[in-house]
Amino acid sequence: MQHLVIIRKHNVARDIVELEMGREDGQPLAGFEAGAHIDLHLPSGTVRQYSLTNPGAEPLLYRVAVLKDPNSRGGSREVHEVLQEGQCLPVSAPRNLFPLHEGPQHSLLLAGGIGITPILAMARQLLQQGRSFSLHYACRSRDRAAFLEELQQGDLAPFCHVWIDDEGQRLELDSVLVDSPVDSHLYVCGPSGFIEAVLGAARAQVWAEDRLHREFFAAPVVETAGDTPFELQLNSGQLIQVAADQTALEALLAAGVNVPSSCEQGICGACLTNVVDGQPDHRDQYLTSAEQASNRLFTPCCSRSFSARLVIDL
């Protein structure tokens, strides 16, 4: 863990602020690859993950852009309303759960709304490396489009297409997918509905799953009315009851079992646990379809169990 100072805080679009953070002594920070994120430990004790938007080779700054979400659990509101320039924050080292493929293939970058943050970092890195890519950015209105000047007028402009909903512009997914070079890799980030639409269109065109890469910022709402109790069995043989209105993570923590966690929505993978026996009811957005089908991994922060007893490697 490192303590970084907020060097600059400024608006990059309506309800979106960018934080620029660095060391007080001005020394370089740990490098990273596009798609990486950091954990911000906010003054309230809340921990939130935000994607880095800047190139990651020997950076002097970490840059993140944060949307003030009206449905926020408190993190984004605290960033907007509490954090000030000059303030120091504990910040984790960068982690990357959404990396670019290392091969020479074309990269198709698709962003919706605040999902532009990791996608912008990817575009900047691909441009620096001279690799083939195209970027399509869909947003509701021009005043909500972050980094619009750079995307439309800077070095990225020849590779970028911006689609503004309230100006009658619509991202035609089928056309974009058909026009992409063979063996392209697709990267998508944005609201859950946007991501699902992109992945659905790609799968309908028989894109291979290993060429589809996505990062969710928030999990879709899951119906919980029919949830039933189940129990977890640990390596020690200890049995932990999980109530119908309780997450497995909550039950584990209440029983004194230390489980790493962060997002508590099944997005970040921090709580990922191996399954020894039983069938999980997967509700996360972190595991791939193949990983979920294998039933070898479990995200206790959000997933449940179809089996009355789920044996996990803890």
C-alpha atoms as a PDB file:
ATOM      1  CA  MET A   1       0.000   0.000   0.000  1.00  0.00           C
ATOM      2  CA  GLN A   2       1.231   3.474  -0.871  1.00  0.00           C
ATOM      3  CA  HIS A   3      -0.012   6.938   0.071  1.00  0.00           C
ATOM      4  CA  LEU A   4      -0.490   9.226  -2.914  1.00  0.00           C
ATOM      5  CA  VAL A   5      -1.413  12.895  -3.020  1.00  0.00           C
ATOM      6  CA  ILE A   6      -4.232  14.196  -5.211  1.00  0.00           C
ATOM      7  CA  ILE A   7      -2.343  16.605  -7.437  1.00  0.00           C
ATOM      8  CA  ARG A   8      -5.296  17.599  -9.584  1.00  0.00           C
ATOM      9  CA  LYS A   9      -9.054  17.077  -9.504  1.00  0.00           C
ATOM     10  CA  HIS A  10     -11.083  18.345 -12.442  1.00  0.00           C
ATOM     11  CA  ASN A  11     -14.206  17.683 -14.488  1.00  0.00           C
ATOM     12  CA  VAL A  12     -13.851  15.772 -17.759  1.00  0.00           C
ATOM     13  CA  ALA A  13     -17.611  15.579 -18.461  1.00  0.00           C
ATOM     14  CA  ARG A  14     -20.903  16.130 -16.700  1.00  0.00           C
ATOM     15  CA  ASP A  15     -20.802  14.226 -13.380  1.00  0.00           C
ATOM     16  CA  ILE A  16     -17.351  12.789 -14.167  1.00  0.00           C
ATOM     17  CA  VAL A  17     -14.216  13.949 -12.358  1.00  0.00           C
ATOM     18  CA  GLU A  18     -10.656  12.890 -13.041  1.00  0.00           C
ATOM     19  CA  LEU A  19      -8.151  12.486 -10.223  1.00  0.00           C
ATOM     20  CA  GLU A  20      -4.433  12.768 -10.906  1.00  0.00           C
ATOM     21  CA  MET A  21      -2.425  11.230  -8.081  1.00  0.00           C
ATOM     22  CA  GLY A  22       1.300  10.951  -7.509  1.00  0.00           C
ATOM     23  CA  ARG A  23       3.991  10.555  -4.891  1.00  0.00           C
ATOM     24  CA  GLU A  24       4.779  13.561  -2.753  1.00  0.00           C
ATOM     25  CA  ASP A  25       8.451  13.317  -3.748  1.00  0.00           C
ATOM     26  CA  GLY A  26       7.595  13.210  -7.465  1.00  0.00           C
ATOM     27  CA  GLN A  27       9.248   9.834  -8.040  1.00  0.00           C
ATOM     28  CA  PRO A  28       7.831   7.379 -10.615  1.00  0.00           C
ATOM     29  CA  LEU A  29       5.093   4.972  -9.625  1.00  0.00           C
ATOM     30  CA  ALA A  30       4.866   1.260 -10.385  1.00  0.00           C
ATOM     31  CA  GLY A  31       4.199   0.685 -14.074  1.00  0.00           C
ATOM     32  CA  PHE A  32       1.182  -1.122 -15.471  1.00  0.00           C
ATOM     33  CA  GLU A  33      -0.467  -2.280 -18.691  1.00  0.00           C
ATOM     34  CA  ALA A  34      -3.675  -0.871 -20.163  1.00  0.00           C
ATOM     35  CA  GLY A  35      -6.787  -2.309 -18.529  1.00  0.00           C
ATOM     36  CA  ALA A  36      -5.331  -2.128 -15.019  1.00  0.00           C
ATOM     37  CA  HIS A  37      -7.117  -0.644 -12.026  1.00  0.00           C
ATOM     38  CA  ILE A  38      -6.216   0.556  -8.544  1.00  0.00           C
ATOM     39  CA  ASP A  39      -8.018   0.372  -5.218  1.00  0.00           C
ATOM     40  CA  LEU A  40      -8.706   3.742  -3.608  1.00  0.00           C
ATOM     41  CA  HIS A  41      -9.067   3.620   0.173  1.00  0.00           C
ATOM     42  CA  LEU A  42     -11.401   6.527   0.836  1.00  0.00           C
ATOM     43  CA  PRO A  43     -11.519   8.532   4.101  1.00  0.00           C
ATOM     44  CA  SER A  44     -14.744   6.797   5.162  1.00  0.00           C
ATOM     45  CA  GLY A  45     -13.008   3.408   5.003  1.00  0.00           C
ATOM     46  CA  THR A  46     -14.750   2.486   1.768  1.00  0.00           C
ATOM     47  CA  VAL A  47     -12.560   0.777  -0.832  1.00  0.00           C
ATOM     48  CA  ARG A  48     -13.380   1.187  -4.512  1.00  0.00           C
ATOM     49  CA  GLN A  49     -11.701   0.061  -7.728  1.00  0.00           C
ATOM     50  CA  TYR A  50     -11.152   2.513 -10.590  1.00  0.00           C
ATOM     51  CA  SER A  51      -9.565   1.918 -13.977  1.00  0.00           C
ATOM     52  CA  LEU A  52      -6.380   3.763 -14.854  1.00  0.00           C
ATOM     53  CA  THR A  53      -6.714   5.907 -17.967  1.00  0.00           C
ATOM     54  CA  ASN A  54      -3.110   6.919 -18.625  1.00  0.00           C
ATOM     55  CA  PRO A  55      -0.251   4.994 -20.299  1.00  0.00           C
ATOM     56  CA  GLY A  56       1.520   2.815 -17.779  1.00  0.00           C
ATOM     57  CA  ALA A  57       5.230   2.808 -18.615  1.00  0.00           C
ATOM     58  CA  GLU A  58       7.042   4.407 -15.647  1.00  0.00           C
ATOM     59  CA  PRO A  59       4.166   6.764 -14.781  1.00  0.00           C
ATOM     60  CA  LEU A  60       4.608   9.796 -12.580  1.00  0.00           C
ATOM     61  CA  LEU A  61       0.843   9.907 -12.064  1.00  0.00           C
ATOM     62  CA  TYR A  62      -2.091   7.550 -11.727  1.00  0.00           C
ATOM     63  CA  ARG A  63      -5.193   8.957 -13.421  1.00  0.00           C
ATOM     64  CA  VAL A  64      -8.727   7.710 -12.769  1.00  0.00           C
ATOM     65  CA  ALA A  65     -12.076   9.128 -13.865  1.00  0.00           C
ATOM     66  CA  VAL A  66     -15.107   8.615 -11.638  1.00  0.00           C
ATOM     67  CA  LEU A  67     -18.787   8.951 -12.533  1.00  0.00           C
ATOM     68  CA  LYS A  68     -21.051  10.293  -9.797  1.00  0.00           C
ATOM     69  CA  ASP A  69     -23.619   7.520  -9.770  1.00  0.00           C
ATOM     70  CA  PRO A  70     -27.064   8.372  -8.329  1.00  0.00           C
ATOM     71  CA  ASN A  71     -27.328   4.720  -7.286  1.00  0.00           C
ATOM     72  CA  SER A  72     -23.876   4.790  -5.702  1.00  0.00           C
ATOM     73  CA  ARG A  73     -23.188   2.800  -2.554  1.00  0.00           C
ATOM     74  CA  GLY A  74     -21.233   5.880  -1.447  1.00  0.00           C
ATOM     75  CA  GLY A  75     -17.863   5.592  -3.143  1.00  0.00           C
ATOM     76  CA  SER A  76     -18.392   7.801  -6.163  1.00  0.00           C
ATOM     77  CA  ARG A  77     -20.257  10.402  -4.122  1.00  0.00           C
ATOM     78  CA  GLU A  78     -17.348  10.557  -1.691  1.00  0.00           C
ATOM     79  CA  VAL A  79     -14.862  11.005  -4.534  1.00  0.00           C
ATOM     80  CA  HIS A  80     -16.907  13.894  -5.940  1.00  0.00           C
ATOM     81  CA  GLU A  81     -17.943  15.633  -2.736  1.00  0.00           C
ATOM     82  CA  VAL A  82     -15.195  14.922  -0.192  1.00  0.00           C
ATOM     83  CA  LEU A  83     -11.848  14.452  -1.900  1.00  0.00           C
ATOM     84  CA  GLN A  84      -9.790  17.586  -2.471  1.00  0.00           C
ATOM     85  CA  GLU A  85      -6.534  18.484  -4.179  1.00  0.00           C
ATOM     86  CA  GLY A  86      -3.617  18.065  -1.780  1.00  0.00           C
ATOM     87  CA  GLN A  87      -5.296  15.252   0.124  1.00  0.00           C
ATOM     88  CA  CYS A  88      -3.402  11.957   0.602  1.00  0.00           C
ATOM     89  CA  LEU A  89      -5.021   8.582   0.020  1.00  0.00           C
ATOM     90  CA  PRO A  90      -3.892   4.991   0.516  1.00  0.00           C
ATOM     91  CA  VAL A  91      -3.773   3.443  -2.960  1.00  0.00           C
ATOM     92  CA  SER A  92      -3.035  -0.147  -3.959  1.00  0.00           C
ATOM     93  CA  ALA A  93      -0.547  -1.199  -6.599  1.00  0.00           C
ATOM     94  CA  PRO A  94      -2.152  -1.602 -10.054  1.00  0.00           C
ATOM     95  CA  ARG A  95      -3.807  -4.928 -10.854  1.00  0.00           C
ATOM     96  CA  ASN A  96      -4.949  -6.019 -14.289  1.00  0.00           C
ATOM     97  CA  LEU A  97      -7.966  -8.263 -14.832  1.00  0.00           C
ATOM     98  CA  PHE A  98      -8.691  -6.819 -18.294  1.00  0.00           C
ATOM     99  CA  PRO A  99      -5.407  -6.969 -20.241  1.00  0.00           C
ATOM    100  CA  LEU A 100      -4.840  -6.530 -23.953  1.00  0.00           C
ATOM    101  CA  HIS A 101      -4.017  -9.627 -25.983  1.00  0.00           C
ATOM    102  CA  GLU A 102      -0.322  -9.660 -26.837  1.00  0.00           C
ATOM    103  CA  GLY A 103      -0.651 -10.876 -30.431  1.00  0.00           C
ATOM    104  CA  PRO A 104      -0.595  -8.782 -33.615  1.00  0.00           C
ATOM    105  CA  GLN A 105      -4.341  -9.030 -34.251  1.00  0.00           C
ATOM    106  CA  HIS A 106      -6.556  -5.969 -34.644  1.00  0.00           C
ATOM    107  CA  SER A 107      -8.191  -4.729 -31.426  1.00  0.00           C
ATOM    108  CA  LEU A 108     -11.818  -3.604 -31.576  1.00  0.00           C
ATOM    109  CA  LEU A 109     -12.486  -1.343 -28.581  1.00  0.00           C
ATOM    110  CA  LEU A 110     -16.099  -0.646 -27.572  1.00  0.00           C
ATOM    111  CA  ALA A 111     -17.056   1.654 -24.697  1.00  0.00           C
ATOM    112  CA  GLY A 112     -20.354   2.809 -23.278  1.00  0.00           C
ATOM    113  CA  GLY A 113     -20.509   5.791 -20.910  1.00  0.00           C
ATOM    114  CA  ILE A 114     -17.942   5.649 -18.104  1.00  0.00           C
ATOM    115  CA  GLY A 115     -16.672   2.404 -19.628  1.00  0.00           C
ATOM    116  CA  ILE A 116     -14.381   4.613 -21.696  1.00  0.00           C
ATOM    117  CA  THR A 117     -11.835   4.651 -18.850  1.00  0.00           C
ATOM    118  CA  PRO A 118     -10.015   1.324 -19.421  1.00  0.00           C
ATOM    119  CA  ILE A 119     -10.761   1.500 -23.149  1.00  0.00           C
ATOM    120  CA  LEU A 120      -9.029   4.887 -23.406  1.00  0.00           C
ATOM    121  CA  ALA A 121      -5.926   3.459 -21.732  1.00  0.00           C
ATOM    122  CA  MET A 122      -5.965   0.619 -24.256  1.00  0.00           C
ATOM    123  CA  ALA A 123      -6.254   3.017 -27.183  1.00  0.00           C
ATOM    124  CA  ARG A 124      -3.380   5.129 -25.874  1.00  0.00           C
ATOM    125  CA  GLN A 125      -1.169   2.059 -25.412  1.00  0.00           C
ATOM    126  CA  LEU A 126      -2.023   0.590 -28.825  1.00  0.00           C
ATOM    127  CA  LEU A 127      -1.296   3.940 -30.474  1.00  0.00           C
ATOM    128  CA  GLN A 128       2.086   4.175 -28.734  1.00  0.00           C
ATOM    129  CA  GLN A 129       2.929   0.635 -29.852  1.00  0.00           C
ATOM    130  CA  GLY A 130       1.834   1.220 -33.440  1.00  0.00           C
ATOM    131  CA  ARG A 131      -0.685  -1.630 -33.283  1.00  0.00           C
ATOM    132  CA  SER A 132      -3.918  -1.886 -35.257  1.00  0.00           C
ATOM    133  CA  PHE A 133      -7.100  -0.840 -33.452  1.00  0.00           C
ATOM    134  CA  SER A 134     -10.391   1.007 -33.746  1.00  0.00           C
ATOM    135  CA  LEU A 135     -12.485   2.535 -30.968  1.00  0.00           C
ATOM    136  CA  HIS A 136     -16.244   3.079 -30.826  1.00  0.00           C
ATOM    137  CA  TYR A 137     -17.608   5.160 -27.936  1.00  0.00           C
ATOM    138  CA  ALA A 138     -21.358   5.380 -27.292  1.00  0.00           C
ATOM    139  CA  CYS A 139     -22.790   7.881 -24.820  1.00  0.00           C
ATOM    140  CA  ARG A 140     -26.130   9.490 -24.054  1.00  0.00           C
ATOM    141  CA  SER A 141     -25.214  13.118 -24.676  1.00  0.00           C
ATOM    142  CA  ARG A 142     -22.227  15.214 -25.660  1.00  0.00           C
ATOM    143  CA  ASP A 143     -21.870  16.775 -22.205  1.00  0.00           C
ATOM    144  CA  ARG A 144     -21.623  13.288 -20.674  1.00  0.00           C
ATOM    145  CA  ALA A 145     -18.911  12.097 -23.073  1.00  0.00           C
ATOM    146  CA  ALA A 146     -15.598  11.996 -21.204  1.00  0.00           C
ATOM    147  CA  PHE A 147     -12.328  12.851 -22.961  1.00  0.00           C
ATOM    148  CA  LEU A 148     -14.277  13.909 -26.052  1.00  0.00           C
ATOM    149  CA  GLU A 149     -11.731  16.465 -27.273  1.00  0.00           C
ATOM    150  CA  GLU A 150      -8.898  13.933 -27.235  1.00  0.00           C
ATOM    151  CA  LEU A 151     -11.014  11.311 -28.971  1.00  0.00           C
ATOM    152  CA  GLN A 152     -12.214  13.619 -31.737  1.00  0.00           C
ATOM    153  CA  GLN A 153      -9.322  16.046 -32.200  1.00  0.00           C
ATOM    154  CA  GLY A 154      -6.150  14.483 -30.767  1.00  0.00           C
ATOM    155  CA  ASP A 155      -3.844  11.745 -32.012  1.00  0.00           C
ATOM    156  CA  LEU A 156      -6.537   9.141 -31.387  1.00  0.00           C
ATOM    157  CA  ALA A 157      -9.090  10.846 -33.650  1.00  0.00           C
ATOM    158  CA  PRO A 158      -8.322   8.852 -36.856  1.00  0.00           C
ATOM    159  CA  PHE A 159      -9.082   5.625 -35.000  1.00  0.00           C
ATOM    160  CA  CYS A 160     -12.132   6.745 -33.000  1.00  0.00           C
ATOM    161  CA  HIS A 161     -15.847   6.885 -33.693  1.00  0.00           C
ATOM    162  CA  VAL A 162     -18.102   8.651 -31.180  1.00  0.00           C
ATOM    163  CA  TRP A 163     -21.836   7.952 -31.148  1.00  0.00           C
ATOM    164  CA  ILE A 164     -24.088  10.459 -29.310  1.00  0.00           C
ATOM    165  CA  ASP A 165     -27.577   9.109 -28.586  1.00  0.00           C
ATOM    166  CA  ASP A 166     -29.429  12.407 -28.285  1.00  0.00           C
ATOM    167  CA  GLU A 167     -27.930  13.599 -31.585  1.00  0.00           C
ATOM    168  CA  GLY A 168     -29.521  10.695 -33.418  1.00  0.00           C
ATOM    169  CA  GLN A 169     -26.290   8.717 -33.741  1.00  0.00           C
ATOM    170  CA  ARG A 170     -26.507   5.001 -33.085  1.00  0.00           C
ATOM    171  CA  LEU A 171     -23.742   2.446 -32.821  1.00  0.00           C
ATOM    172  CA  GLU A 172     -24.608  -0.271 -35.341  1.00  0.00           C
ATOM    173  CA  LEU A 173     -23.014  -3.258 -33.675  1.00  0.00           C
ATOM    174  CA  ASP A 174     -23.607  -5.742 -36.464  1.00  0.00           C
ATOM    175  CA  SER A 175     -21.901  -3.515 -39.029  1.00  0.00           C
ATOM    176  CA  VAL A 176     -18.961  -2.758 -36.755  1.00  0.00           C
ATOM    177  CA  LEU A 177     -18.434  -6.450 -36.050  1.00  0.00           C
ATOM    178  CA  VAL A 178     -18.738  -7.502 -39.693  1.00  0.00           C
ATOM    179  CA  ASP A 179     -16.283  -4.806 -40.801  1.00  0.00           C
ATOM    180  CA  SER A 180     -13.615  -5.828 -38.268  1.00  0.00           C
ATOM    181  CA  PRO A 181     -10.600  -7.749 -39.610  1.00  0.00           C
ATOM    182  CA  VAL A 182     -10.651 -11.527 -39.257  1.00  0.00           C
ATOM    183  CA  ASP A 183      -9.329 -12.749 -35.882  1.00  0.00           C
ATOM    184  CA  SER A 184      -9.819  -9.340 -34.226  1.00  0.00           C
ATOM    185  CA  HIS A 185      -9.989  -9.269 -30.445  1.00  0.00           C
ATOM    186  CA  LEU A 186     -12.956  -7.394 -28.965  1.00  0.00           C
ATOM    187  CA  TYR A 187     -12.762  -5.406 -25.720  1.00  0.00           C
ATOM    188  CA  VAL A 188     -15.914  -3.930 -24.205  1.00  0.00           C
ATOM    189  CA  CYS A 189     -16.652  -1.963 -21.042  1.00  0.00           C
ATOM    190  CA  GLY A 190     -19.693   0.005 -19.936  1.00  0.00           C
ATOM    191  CA  PRO A 191     -23.148  -0.528 -18.432  1.00  0.00           C
ATOM    192  CA  SER A 192     -24.230  -4.155 -18.112  1.00  0.00           C
ATOM    193  CA  GLY A 193     -26.870  -3.824 -20.830  1.00  0.00           C
ATOM    194  CA  PHE A 194     -24.337  -2.386 -23.263  1.00  0.00           C
ATOM    195  CA  ILE A 195     -21.844  -5.160 -22.582  1.00  0.00           C
ATOM    196  CA  GLU A 196     -24.464  -7.880 -22.949  1.00  0.00           C
ATOM    197  CA  ALA A 197     -25.668  -6.359 -26.238  1.00  0.00           C
ATOM    198  CA  VAL A 198     -22.124  -6.280 -27.619  1.00  0.00           C
ATOM    199  CA  LEU A 199     -21.319  -9.826 -26.535  1.00  0.00           C
ATOM    200  CA  GLY A 200     -24.661 -11.097 -27.804  1.00  0.00           C
ATOM    201  CA  ALA A 201     -24.099  -9.532 -31.222  1.00  0.00           C
ATOM    202  CA  ALA A 202     -20.567 -10.950 -31.397  1.00  0.00           C
ATOM    203  CA  ARG A 203     -21.708 -14.435 -30.427  1.00  0.00           C
ATOM    204  CA  ALA A 204     -24.468 -14.265 -33.021  1.00  0.00           C
ATOM    205  CA  GLN A 205     -21.712 -13.701 -35.581  1.00  0.00           C
ATOM    206  CA  VAL A 206     -19.820 -16.693 -34.138  1.00  0.00           C
ATOM    207  CA  TRP A 207     -16.916 -14.761 -32.645  1.00  0.00           C
ATOM    208  CA  ALA A 208     -14.761 -17.160 -30.616  1.00  0.00           C
ATOM    209  CA  GLU A 209     -15.121 -16.756 -26.849  1.00  0.00           C
ATOM    210  CA  ASP A 210     -11.360 -16.397 -26.413  1.00  0.00           C
ATOM    211  CA  ARG A 211     -11.505 -13.231 -28.548  1.00  0.00           C
ATOM    212  CA  LEU A 212     -14.208 -11.597 -26.412  1.00  0.00           C
ATOM    213  CA  HIS A 213     -12.952  -9.589 -23.437  1.00  0.00           C
ATOM    214  CA  ARG A 214     -15.153  -7.576 -21.091  1.00  0.00           C
ATOM    215  CA  GLU A 215     -15.080  -5.682 -17.831  1.00  0.00           C
ATOM    216  CA  PHE A 216     -18.170  -4.852 -15.812  1.00  0.00           C
ATOM    217  CA  PHE A 217     -18.242  -1.903 -13.422  1.00  0.00           C
ATOM    218  CA  ALA A 218     -21.510  -2.953 -11.779  1.00  0.00           C
ATOM    219  CA  ALA A 219     -23.322  -6.252 -11.619  1.00  0.00           C
ATOM    220  CA  PRO A 220     -26.799  -6.668 -13.129  1.00  0.00           C
ATOM    221  CA  VAL A 221     -29.671  -6.842 -10.653  1.00  0.00           C
ATOM    222  CA  VAL A 222     -30.315 -10.470  -9.697  1.00  0.00           C
ATOM    223  CA  GLU A 223     -33.690 -11.745  -8.501  1.00  0.00           C
ATOM    224  CA  THR A 224     -33.250 -12.978  -4.931  1.00  0.00           C
ATOM    225  CA  ALA A 225     -36.854 -13.693  -3.905  1.00  0.00           C
ATOM    226  CA  GLY A 226     -36.411 -17.438  -4.394  1.00  0.00           C
ATOM    227  CA  ASP A 227     -33.089 -17.750  -2.574  1.00  0.00           C
ATOM    228  CA  THR A 228     -32.852 -20.594  -0.069  1.00  0.00           C
ATOM    229  CA  PRO A 229     -30.380 -21.396   2.726  1.00  0.00           C
ATOM    230  CA  PHE A 230     -27.367 -23.623   2.115  1.00  0.00           C
ATOM    231  CA  GLU A 231     -24.210 -24.526   3.986  1.00  0.00           C
ATOM    232  CA  LEU A 232     -20.514 -24.193   3.307  1.00  0.00           C
ATOM    233  CA  GLN A 233     -17.997 -26.800   4.370  1.00  0.00           C
ATOM    234  CA  LEU A 234     -14.394 -25.673   4.885  1.00  0.00           C
ATOM    235  CA  ASN A 235     -11.172 -27.703   4.718  1.00  0.00           C
ATOM    236  CA  SER A 236     -11.258 -28.097   8.488  1.00  0.00           C
ATOM    237  CA  GLY A 237     -14.677 -29.719   8.284  1.00  0.00           C
ATOM    238  CA  GLN A 238     -16.342 -26.654   9.808  1.00  0.00           C
ATOM    239  CA  LEU A 239     -19.877 -26.097   8.544  1.00  0.00           C
ATOM    240  CA  ILE A 240     -21.164 -22.554   8.059  1.00  0.00           C
ATOM    241  CA  GLN A 241     -24.838 -21.860   7.506  1.00  0.00           C
ATOM    242  CA  VAL A 242     -25.730 -19.284   4.850  1.00  0.00           C
ATOM    243  CA  ALA A 243     -29.201 -17.816   5.354  1.00  0.00           C
ATOM    244  CA  ALA A 244     -31.524 -17.064   2.456  1.00  0.00           C
ATOM    245  CA  ASP A 245     -31.041 -13.317   2.945  1.00  0.00           C
ATOM    246  CA  GLN A 246     -27.281 -13.518   3.518  1.00  0.00           C
ATOM    247  CA  THR A 247     -24.322 -13.786   1.145  1.00  0.00           C
ATOM    248  CA  ALA A 248     -21.772 -16.552   1.548  1.00  0.00           C
ATOM    249  CA  LEU A 249     -19.148 -13.885   2.168  1.00  0.00           C
ATOM    250  CA  GLU A 250     -21.195 -12.356   4.990  1.00  0.00           C
ATOM    251  CA  ALA A 251     -21.624 -15.793   6.564  1.00  0.00           C
ATOM    252  CA  LEU A 252     -17.903 -16.553   6.310  1.00  0.00           C
ATOM    253  CA  LEU A 253     -16.893 -13.225   7.842  1.00  0.00           C
ATOM    254  CA  ALA A 254     -19.461 -13.613  10.629  1.00  0.00           C
ATOM    255  CA  ALA A 255     -17.909 -17.002  11.420  1.00  0.00           C
ATOM    256  CA  GLY A 256     -14.479 -15.410  11.720  1.00  0.00           C
ATOM    257  CA  VAL A 257     -13.143 -16.722   8.412  1.00  0.00           C
ATOM    258  CA  ASN A 258     -10.865 -14.170   6.778  1.00  0.00           C
ATOM    259  CA  VAL A 259     -11.740 -13.898   3.080  1.00  0.00           C
ATOM    260  CA  PRO A 260     -10.235 -11.167   0.872  1.00  0.00           C
ATOM    261  CA  SER A 261     -12.948  -9.039  -0.718  1.00  0.00           C
ATOM    262  CA  SER A 262     -13.394  -5.733  -2.447  1.00  0.00           C
ATOM    263  CA  CYS A 263     -16.280  -5.035  -4.832  1.00  0.00           C
ATOM    264  CA  GLU A 264     -18.839  -7.364  -3.163  1.00  0.00           C
ATOM    265  CA  GLN A 265     -20.653  -7.589  -6.519  1.00  0.00           C
ATOM    266  CA  GLY A 266     -18.851 -10.432  -8.285  1.00  0.00           C
ATOM    267  CA  ILE A 267     -16.840  -8.153 -10.533  1.00  0.00           C
ATOM    268  CA  CYS A 268     -13.274  -7.978  -9.230  1.00  0.00           C
ATOM    269  CA  GLY A 269     -12.433 -11.583  -8.330  1.00  0.00           C
ATOM    270  CA  ALA A 270     -10.810 -10.662  -5.009  1.00  0.00           C
ATOM    271  CA  CYS A 271     -12.839 -13.256  -3.073  1.00  0.00           C
ATOM    272  CA  LEU A 272     -12.481 -16.046  -5.653  1.00  0.00           C
ATOM    273  CA  THR A 273     -12.390 -19.468  -3.997  1.00  0.00           C
ATOM    274  CA  ASN A 274     -11.836 -23.012  -5.310  1.00  0.00           C
ATOM    275  CA  VAL A 275     -14.729 -25.479  -5.157  1.00  0.00           C
ATOM    276  CA  VAL A 276     -14.015 -28.995  -3.857  1.00  0.00           C
ATOM    277  CA  ASP A 277     -17.524 -30.425  -4.183  1.00  0.00           C
ATOM    278  CA  GLY A 278     -21.009 -29.215  -5.004  1.00  0.00           C
ATOM    279  CA  GLN A 279     -22.596 -27.045  -7.672  1.00  0.00           C
ATOM    280  CA  PRO A 280     -22.366 -23.250  -7.311  1.00  0.00           C
ATOM    281  CA  ASP A 281     -25.149 -20.948  -8.462  1.00  0.00           C
ATOM    282  CA  HIS A 282     -22.937 -18.492 -10.342  1.00  0.00           C
ATOM    283  CA  ARG A 283     -24.085 -14.865 -10.192  1.00  0.00           C
ATOM    284  CA  ASP A 284     -20.795 -13.101 -10.833  1.00  0.00           C
ATOM    285  CA  GLN A 285     -19.555 -11.158 -13.845  1.00  0.00           C
ATOM    286  CA  TYR A 286     -15.924 -12.083 -13.255  1.00  0.00           C
ATOM    287  CA  LEU A 287     -15.698 -15.706 -14.393  1.00  0.00           C
ATOM    288  CA  THR A 288     -15.953 -16.610 -18.060  1.00  0.00           C
ATOM    289  CA  SER A 289     -18.805 -18.835 -19.247  1.00  0.00           C
ATOM    290  CA  ALA A 290     -16.372 -21.754 -19.483  1.00  0.00           C
ATOM    291  CA  GLU A 291     -15.087 -21.161 -15.949  1.00  0.00           C
ATOM    292  CA  GLN A 292     -18.618 -21.037 -14.597  1.00  0.00           C
ATOM    293  CA  ALA A 293     -19.536 -24.231 -16.449  1.00  0.00           C
ATOM    294  CA  SER A 294     -16.563 -26.032 -14.886  1.00  0.00           C
ATOM    295  CA  ASN A 295     -17.970 -25.346 -11.377  1.00  0.00           C
ATOM    296  CA  ARG A 296     -14.435 -25.258  -9.996  1.00  0.00           C
ATOM    297  CA  LEU A 297     -14.511 -21.640  -8.795  1.00  0.00           C
ATOM    298  CA  PHE A 298     -16.861 -19.668  -6.558  1.00  0.00           C
ATOM    299  CA  THR A 299     -17.351 -15.983  -5.742  1.00  0.00           C
ATOM    300  CA  PRO A 300     -18.812 -15.929  -2.213  1.00  0.00           C
ATOM    301  CA  CYS A 301     -19.633 -12.224  -2.343  1.00  0.00           C
ATOM    302  CA  CYS A 302     -22.596 -12.806  -4.673  1.00  0.00           C
ATOM    303  CA  SER A 303     -22.932 -16.419  -5.831  1.00  0.00           C
ATOM    304  CA  ARG A 304     -24.932 -19.078  -4.018  1.00  0.00           C
ATOM    305  CA  SER A 305     -25.254 -22.862  -4.265  1.00  0.00           C
ATOM    306  CA  PHE A 306     -27.593 -25.239  -6.045  1.00  0.00           C
ATOM    307  CA  SER A 307     -26.272 -27.954  -3.721  1.00  0.00           C
ATOM    308  CA  ALA A 308     -27.465 -28.088  -0.129  1.00  0.00           C
ATOM    309  CA  ARG A 309     -23.792 -28.208   0.855  1.00  0.00           C
ATOM    310  CA  LEU A 310     -20.943 -26.539  -1.032  1.00  0.00           C
ATOM    311  CA  VAL A 311     -17.437 -27.657  -0.099  1.00  0.00           C
ATOM    312  CA  ILE A 312     -14.864 -24.921  -0.702  1.00  0.00           C
ATOM    313  CA  ASP A 313     -11.089 -24.738  -0.396  1.00  0.00           C
ATOM    314  CA  LEU A 314     -10.779 -22.479   2.643  1.00  0.00           C
END
